[in-house]
Amino acid sequence: MTDTGSQIVITTAPNQASARKLGDTLVEEGLAACVNVLSGVESIYRWQGKINRDSEHILLIKSSQQKYSQIQQRILDLHPYELPEIIAVPIIEGLPAYLDWLNKPE
């Protein structure tokens, strides 16, 4: 395993409009190289003592690990949820040319 300096930040959004706004903002501001929006997922979770089942959109936000704090803050600024899911997963391997593109400063 190697440290590529790259990450995938995962969050969810309640609708397509919110997901696109988050994705567009992160890419436009140079915080993410690419954001994939996966629509039509079902989330089952416990919130305030109640089991919930909702349709959501998953965002896969690809960027350098150095930008995590800024990405987290922008998600918190723009997200409609009181407590949004924000999880970062390091990328340990990948196509070198893709990882170079992902980590290049914008």
C-alpha atoms as a PDB file:
ATOM      1  CA  MET A   1       0.000   0.000   0.000  1.00  0.00           C
ATOM      2  CA  THR A   2       1.125   3.506  -0.782  1.00  0.00           C
ATOM      3  CA  ASP A   3       0.077   6.935   0.337  1.00  0.00           C
ATOM      4  CA  THR A   4      -1.191   8.578  -2.836  1.00  0.00           C
ATOM      5  CA  GLY A   5      -2.286  11.767  -1.076  1.00  0.00           C
ATOM      6  CA  SER A   6      -5.708  11.246  -2.648  1.00  0.00           C
ATOM      7  CA  GLN A   7      -9.098  10.661  -1.060  1.00  0.00           C
ATOM      8  CA  ILE A   8     -12.741  10.026  -1.745  1.00  0.00           C
ATOM      9  CA  VAL A   9     -15.071  12.027   0.482  1.00  0.00           C
ATOM     10  CA  ILE A  10     -18.552  10.540   0.704  1.00  0.00           C
ATOM     11  CA  THR A  11     -21.710  12.439   1.525  1.00  0.00           C
ATOM     12  CA  THR A  12     -25.398  12.060   0.729  1.00  0.00           C
ATOM     13  CA  ALA A  13     -28.042  14.544  -0.383  1.00  0.00           C
ATOM     14  CA  PRO A  14     -31.835  14.375  -0.167  1.00  0.00           C
ATOM     15  CA  ASN A  15     -32.467  15.344  -3.797  1.00  0.00           C
ATOM     16  CA  GLN A  16     -30.827  15.870  -7.179  1.00  0.00           C
ATOM     17  CA  ALA A  17     -30.779  19.671  -6.842  1.00  0.00           C
ATOM     18  CA  SER A  18     -28.860  19.569  -3.546  1.00  0.00           C
ATOM     19  CA  ALA A  19     -26.459  16.961  -4.891  1.00  0.00           C
ATOM     20  CA  ARG A  20     -25.735  18.998  -8.022  1.00  0.00           C
ATOM     21  CA  LYS A  21     -25.266  22.206  -6.031  1.00  0.00           C
ATOM     22  CA  LEU A  22     -22.743  20.507  -3.750  1.00  0.00           C
ATOM     23  CA  GLY A  23     -20.914  18.860  -6.650  1.00  0.00           C
ATOM     24  CA  ASP A  24     -20.853  21.973  -8.822  1.00  0.00           C
ATOM     25  CA  THR A  25     -19.585  24.148  -5.969  1.00  0.00           C
ATOM     26  CA  LEU A  26     -16.794  21.764  -4.954  1.00  0.00           C
ATOM     27  CA  VAL A  27     -15.526  21.419  -8.527  1.00  0.00           C
ATOM     28  CA  GLU A  28     -15.937  25.127  -9.393  1.00  0.00           C
ATOM     29  CA  GLU A  29     -14.017  26.155  -6.260  1.00  0.00           C
ATOM     30  CA  GLY A  30     -11.190  23.728  -7.058  1.00  0.00           C
ATOM     31  CA  LEU A  31     -11.792  21.622  -3.960  1.00  0.00           C
ATOM     32  CA  ALA A  32     -12.604  18.474  -5.943  1.00  0.00           C
ATOM     33  CA  ALA A  33     -11.279  17.198  -9.241  1.00  0.00           C
ATOM     34  CA  CYS A  34     -14.430  15.157  -9.847  1.00  0.00           C
ATOM     35  CA  VAL A  35     -17.736  14.472  -8.107  1.00  0.00           C
ATOM     36  CA  ASN A  36     -19.903  11.492  -9.035  1.00  0.00           C
ATOM     37  CA  VAL A  37     -23.582  11.644  -8.089  1.00  0.00           C
ATOM     38  CA  LEU A  38     -25.184   8.231  -7.655  1.00  0.00           C
ATOM     39  CA  SER A  39     -28.956   8.563  -7.650  1.00  0.00           C
ATOM     40  CA  GLY A  40     -31.708   6.308  -6.426  1.00  0.00           C
ATOM     41  CA  VAL A  41     -30.095   4.795  -3.352  1.00  0.00           C
ATOM     42  CA  GLU A  42     -32.104   3.889  -0.294  1.00  0.00           C
ATOM     43  CA  SER A  43     -30.717   4.764   3.123  1.00  0.00           C
ATOM     44  CA  ILE A  44     -31.952   3.068   6.275  1.00  0.00           C
ATOM     45  CA  TYR A  45     -30.840   4.742   9.484  1.00  0.00           C
ATOM     46  CA  ARG A  46     -31.784   5.548  13.046  1.00  0.00           C
ATOM     47  CA  TRP A  47     -32.328   9.238  13.815  1.00  0.00           C
ATOM     48  CA  GLN A  48     -33.714  10.611  17.063  1.00  0.00           C
ATOM     49  CA  GLY A  49     -34.829   7.162  18.205  1.00  0.00           C
ATOM     50  CA  LYS A  50     -36.743   6.348  15.020  1.00  0.00           C
ATOM     51  CA  ILE A  51     -35.870   4.063  12.094  1.00  0.00           C
ATOM     52  CA  ASN A  52     -36.011   5.991   8.812  1.00  0.00           C
ATOM     53  CA  ARG A  53     -35.927   4.870   5.199  1.00  0.00           C
ATOM     54  CA  ASP A  54     -35.222   7.576   2.612  1.00  0.00           C
ATOM     55  CA  SER A  55     -34.267   7.908  -1.023  1.00  0.00           C
ATOM     56  CA  GLU A  56     -30.947   9.754  -1.315  1.00  0.00           C
ATOM     57  CA  HIS A  57     -28.143  10.611  -3.709  1.00  0.00           C
ATOM     58  CA  ILE A  58     -24.560   9.630  -2.857  1.00  0.00           C
ATOM     59  CA  LEU A  59     -21.734  11.982  -3.783  1.00  0.00           C
ATOM     60  CA  LEU A  60     -18.266  10.526  -4.345  1.00  0.00           C
ATOM     61  CA  ILE A  61     -15.937  13.517  -4.078  1.00  0.00           C
ATOM     62  CA  LYS A  62     -12.420  12.871  -5.371  1.00  0.00           C
ATOM     63  CA  SER A  63      -9.632  15.211  -4.297  1.00  0.00           C
ATOM     64  CA  SER A  64      -6.299  15.507  -2.558  1.00  0.00           C
ATOM     65  CA  GLN A  65      -6.233  14.744   1.160  1.00  0.00           C
ATOM     66  CA  GLN A  66      -4.902  18.255   1.811  1.00  0.00           C
ATOM     67  CA  LYS A  67      -8.295  19.684   0.860  1.00  0.00           C
ATOM     68  CA  TYR A  68     -10.357  17.649   3.342  1.00  0.00           C
ATOM     69  CA  SER A  69     -10.949  20.459   5.860  1.00  0.00           C
ATOM     70  CA  GLN A  70     -12.098  22.858   3.148  1.00  0.00           C
ATOM     71  CA  ILE A  71     -14.379  20.239   1.599  1.00  0.00           C
ATOM     72  CA  GLN A  72     -15.895  19.429   4.975  1.00  0.00           C
ATOM     73  CA  GLN A  73     -16.589  23.102   5.655  1.00  0.00           C
ATOM     74  CA  ARG A  74     -18.214  23.694   2.247  1.00  0.00           C
ATOM     75  CA  ILE A  75     -20.443  20.649   2.715  1.00  0.00           C
ATOM     76  CA  LEU A  76     -21.472  21.947   6.145  1.00  0.00           C
ATOM     77  CA  ASP A  77     -22.120  25.417   4.662  1.00  0.00           C
ATOM     78  CA  LEU A  78     -24.336  24.141   1.839  1.00  0.00           C
ATOM     79  CA  HIS A  79     -25.925  20.942   3.127  1.00  0.00           C
ATOM     80  CA  PRO A  80     -29.626  20.905   4.049  1.00  0.00           C
ATOM     81  CA  TYR A  81     -29.209  18.185   6.712  1.00  0.00           C
ATOM     82  CA  GLU A  82     -28.682  18.998  10.374  1.00  0.00           C
ATOM     83  CA  LEU A  83     -26.008  16.272  10.558  1.00  0.00           C
ATOM     84  CA  PRO A  84     -24.701  15.359   7.097  1.00  0.00           C
ATOM     85  CA  GLU A  85     -22.699  12.229   6.473  1.00  0.00           C
ATOM     86  CA  ILE A  86     -19.115  13.278   5.698  1.00  0.00           C
ATOM     87  CA  ILE A  87     -16.635  10.399   5.502  1.00  0.00           C
ATOM     88  CA  ALA A  88     -13.176  10.441   3.919  1.00  0.00           C
ATOM     89  CA  VAL A  89     -11.539   7.292   2.578  1.00  0.00           C
ATOM     90  CA  PRO A  90      -7.890   7.387   1.483  1.00  0.00           C
ATOM     91  CA  ILE A  91      -7.108   6.135  -2.006  1.00  0.00           C
ATOM     92  CA  ILE A  92      -4.245   3.695  -1.565  1.00  0.00           C
ATOM     93  CA  GLU A  93      -3.739   2.702  -5.204  1.00  0.00           C
ATOM     94  CA  GLY A  94      -4.843   3.916  -8.600  1.00  0.00           C
ATOM     95  CA  LEU A  95      -3.803   4.712 -12.136  1.00  0.00           C
ATOM     96  CA  PRO A  96      -0.802   7.048 -11.633  1.00  0.00           C
ATOM     97  CA  ALA A  97      -1.852   9.482 -14.382  1.00  0.00           C
ATOM     98  CA  TYR A  98      -5.359   9.747 -12.887  1.00  0.00           C
ATOM     99  CA  LEU A  99      -4.006  10.323  -9.380  1.00  0.00           C
ATOM    100  CA  ASP A 100      -1.649  13.012 -10.715  1.00  0.00           C
ATOM    101  CA  TRP A 101      -4.617  14.770 -12.334  1.00  0.00           C
ATOM    102  CA  LEU A 102      -6.693  14.395  -9.177  1.00  0.00           C
ATOM    103  CA  ASN A 103      -3.984  15.964  -6.996  1.00  0.00           C
ATOM    104  CA  LYS A 104      -2.862  18.761  -9.300  1.00  0.00           C
ATOM    105  CA  PRO A 105      -3.429  22.216  -7.853  1.00  0.00           C
ATOM    106  CA  GLU A 106      -6.145  24.271  -9.532  1.00  0.00           C
END
